[in-house]
Amino acid sequence: MRKGEKWFGLLFTFCVMAVFWVLLSGIFDAFHLISGLVCCAIVAIISRDLLVNGKSENKLLKSLRLIMYIPWELWQIVLANIDVAYRVLHPKMPIDPLIIEFETILRGELSLLTLANSITLTPGTITLLVEPERGKFWVHAIAKEPAHALLVDQTMQRKVAHVFMET
């Protein structure tokens, strides 16, 4: 890995962690901000290869696409929360759990990880197993509709493939 790539990985990891920390902490006094940023810097130095690794091309573009993917994923989480709340509060409880399996075109470690975590973060679905060699996923869904979104609609898969340029 070239020196510029190492610095990019370090800086990107630090920025992602710092933004995430500030959003979660909600404390904006000088002591907490400085200590939080120092901790982010230490962890970024130790784990800079976690987010940005290898000699991948277009790291900046992939990073920007990932940042653009996050608001879409957060919106899907909100919609899924509403759906799960409806199912639980509905008098007939329209819950029909099932396990689905599907294959995806994704093969990169980070893209498979992103898809698996996106599925699990979305209420009503949980990634049970991923077979990286074939891009095969086993997912538990609370009902047919969330499963249908993964099997037929495949919007999440397409968006992750777009982020990591695996289309």
Protein backbone atom coordinates (compact mmCIF):
# COMPACT_ATOMS: atom_id res chain seq x y z
CA MET A 1 0.00 0.00 0.00
CA ARG A 2 1.40 3.40 -0.98
CA LYS A 3 1.92 6.17 1.55
CA GLY A 4 -0.95 8.25 0.14
CA GLU A 5 -3.32 5.29 0.44
CA LYS A 6 -2.32 4.76 4.07
CA TRP A 7 -3.00 8.41 4.90
CA PHE A 8 -6.32 8.32 3.08
CA GLY A 9 -7.37 5.21 5.03
CA LEU A 10 -6.32 6.81 8.30
CA LEU A 11 -8.06 10.11 7.58
CA PHE A 12 -11.24 8.49 6.28
CA THR A 13 -11.48 6.12 9.25
CA PHE A 14 -10.90 8.99 11.67
CA CYS A 15 -13.56 11.17 10.02
CA VAL A 16 -16.18 8.42 9.95
CA MET A 17 -15.55 7.53 13.58
CA ALA A 18 -15.49 11.17 14.71
CA VAL A 19 -18.79 12.00 13.00
CA PHE A 20 -20.37 8.84 14.38
CA TRP A 21 -19.08 9.59 17.88
CA VAL A 22 -20.33 13.20 17.83
CA LEU A 23 -23.75 12.11 16.59
CA LEU A 24 -24.10 9.44 19.25
CA SER A 25 -22.63 11.34 22.19
CA GLY A 26 -24.61 14.56 21.84
CA ILE A 27 -22.16 16.24 24.25
CA PHE A 28 -20.44 19.28 22.81
CA ASP A 29 -18.27 20.72 25.58
CA ALA A 30 -14.53 21.07 25.00
CA PHE A 31 -13.44 18.23 27.30
CA HIS A 32 -15.71 15.62 25.74
CA LEU A 33 -15.04 16.73 22.17
CA ILE A 34 -11.27 16.67 22.62
CA SER A 35 -11.22 13.35 24.48
CA GLY A 36 -13.59 11.83 21.90
CA LEU A 37 -11.44 13.00 19.00
CA VAL A 38 -8.28 11.70 20.69
CA CYS A 39 -9.94 8.30 21.15
CA CYS A 40 -11.08 8.34 17.51
CA ALA A 41 -7.52 9.12 16.41
CA ILE A 42 -6.07 6.25 18.48
CA VAL A 43 -8.62 3.76 17.18
CA ALA A 44 -8.17 5.05 13.60
CA ILE A 45 -4.42 4.47 13.83
CA ILE A 46 -4.98 0.93 15.09
CA SER A 47 -7.76 0.00 12.66
CA ARG A 48 -7.31 2.18 9.56
CA ASP A 49 -7.27 -0.89 7.31
CA LEU A 50 -10.71 -1.93 8.52
CA LEU A 51 -12.67 0.53 6.38
CA VAL A 52 -10.17 1.18 3.60
CA ASN A 53 -7.90 -1.73 2.75
CA GLY A 54 -6.00 -3.17 -0.17
CA LYS A 55 -5.09 -1.56 -3.46
CA SER A 56 -8.63 -0.85 -4.52
CA GLU A 57 -9.19 1.78 -7.16
CA ASN A 58 -11.67 4.62 -6.75
CA LYS A 59 -11.57 4.62 -2.95
CA LEU A 60 -12.79 8.19 -2.76
CA LEU A 61 -15.74 7.50 -5.06
CA LYS A 62 -16.67 4.35 -3.13
CA SER A 63 -16.41 6.29 0.13
CA LEU A 64 -18.70 9.04 -1.17
CA ARG A 65 -21.18 6.48 -2.47
CA LEU A 66 -21.17 4.74 0.92
CA ILE A 67 -21.87 8.06 2.64
CA MET A 68 -24.77 8.63 0.21
CA TYR A 69 -26.06 5.11 0.91
CA ILE A 70 -26.35 5.69 4.67
CA PRO A 71 -29.36 8.10 4.57
CA TRP A 72 -31.22 5.67 2.29
CA GLU A 73 -30.51 2.82 4.73
CA LEU A 74 -31.64 4.95 7.68
CA TRP A 75 -34.91 5.66 5.86
CA GLN A 76 -35.38 1.92 5.25
CA ILE A 77 -34.85 1.33 8.96
CA VAL A 78 -37.57 3.88 9.77
CA LEU A 79 -39.99 2.27 7.30
CA ALA A 80 -39.23 -1.21 8.63
CA ASN A 81 -39.78 -0.03 12.20
CA ILE A 82 -43.21 1.25 11.23
CA ASP A 83 -43.99 -2.06 9.50
CA VAL A 84 -42.90 -4.15 12.50
CA ALA A 85 -44.85 -1.91 14.90
CA TYR A 86 -47.94 -2.31 12.71
CA ARG A 87 -47.56 -6.09 12.68
CA VAL A 88 -47.13 -6.28 16.44
CA LEU A 89 -49.98 -3.89 17.25
CA HIS A 90 -52.42 -5.27 14.68
CA PRO A 91 -55.13 -7.40 16.36
CA LYS A 92 -54.46 -10.37 14.04
CA MET A 93 -50.65 -9.98 14.25
CA PRO A 94 -49.87 -10.62 10.56
CA ILE A 95 -46.57 -12.30 11.32
CA ASP A 96 -45.51 -15.23 9.17
CA PRO A 97 -41.81 -15.87 9.84
CA LEU A 98 -39.75 -17.59 7.19
CA ILE A 99 -36.15 -18.20 6.20
CA ILE A 100 -35.19 -17.27 2.67
CA GLU A 101 -32.03 -17.86 0.70
CA PHE A 102 -30.81 -15.91 -2.27
CA GLU A 103 -27.66 -15.30 -4.26
CA THR A 104 -26.26 -11.91 -5.07
CA ILE A 105 -23.69 -10.61 -7.54
CA LEU A 106 -21.64 -9.18 -4.68
CA ARG A 107 -18.29 -10.84 -4.00
CA GLY A 108 -16.16 -8.27 -2.17
CA GLU A 109 -15.76 -8.73 1.57
CA LEU A 110 -16.84 -5.19 2.40
CA SER A 111 -19.81 -5.26 0.03
CA LEU A 112 -21.04 -8.59 1.45
CA LEU A 113 -20.55 -7.24 4.97
CA THR A 114 -22.44 -4.05 4.13
CA LEU A 115 -25.37 -5.98 2.67
CA ALA A 116 -25.48 -8.41 5.61
CA ASN A 117 -25.40 -5.58 8.14
CA SER A 118 -27.96 -3.56 6.19
CA ILE A 119 -30.34 -6.50 6.24
CA THR A 120 -29.82 -7.10 9.95
CA LEU A 121 -30.15 -3.41 10.85
CA THR A 122 -33.51 -3.28 9.10
CA PRO A 123 -36.13 -4.46 11.62
CA GLY A 124 -38.00 -7.57 10.57
CA THR A 125 -35.02 -9.24 8.92
CA ILE A 126 -31.85 -10.88 10.26
CA THR A 127 -28.93 -12.22 8.25
CA LEU A 128 -28.30 -15.75 9.47
CA LEU A 129 -25.48 -16.90 7.21
CA VAL A 130 -23.42 -15.62 4.29
CA GLU A 131 -21.49 -17.86 1.93
CA PRO A 132 -18.95 -15.45 0.39
CA GLU A 133 -17.72 -17.72 -2.40
CA ARG A 134 -21.16 -17.86 -4.05
CA GLY A 135 -22.59 -14.64 -2.61
CA LYS A 136 -25.35 -16.67 -0.98
CA PHE A 137 -27.38 -15.30 1.94
CA TRP A 138 -29.75 -16.95 4.39
CA VAL A 139 -32.09 -14.42 5.99
CA HIS A 140 -34.88 -14.72 8.56
CA ALA A 141 -37.82 -12.44 7.76
CA ILE A 142 -40.79 -11.61 9.95
CA ALA A 143 -43.23 -11.94 7.03
CA LYS A 144 -43.45 -12.38 3.27
CA GLU A 145 -43.28 -8.66 2.44
CA PRO A 146 -39.78 -8.04 3.83
CA ALA A 147 -38.64 -11.29 2.21
CA HIS A 148 -40.20 -10.18 -1.09
CA ALA A 149 -38.17 -6.95 -0.95
CA LEU A 150 -34.96 -8.98 -0.76
CA LEU A 151 -35.89 -11.66 -3.29
CA VAL A 152 -37.77 -9.77 -5.98
CA ASP A 153 -37.25 -6.03 -5.56
CA GLN A 154 -33.51 -6.31 -4.70
CA THR A 155 -33.14 -2.54 -4.26
CA MET A 156 -30.80 -2.95 -1.30
CA GLN A 157 -28.57 -5.34 -3.25
CA ARG A 158 -28.44 -3.00 -6.23
CA LYS A 159 -27.59 -0.01 -4.06
CA VAL A 160 -24.77 -1.88 -2.28
CA ALA A 161 -23.46 -3.11 -5.64
CA HIS A 162 -23.51 0.50 -6.87
CA VAL A 163 -21.59 1.69 -3.80
CA PHE A 164 -18.82 -0.87 -4.29
CA MET A 165 -18.91 -0.81 -8.11
CA GLU A 166 -19.89 -4.44 -8.45
CA THR A 167 -22.64 -4.03 -11.01
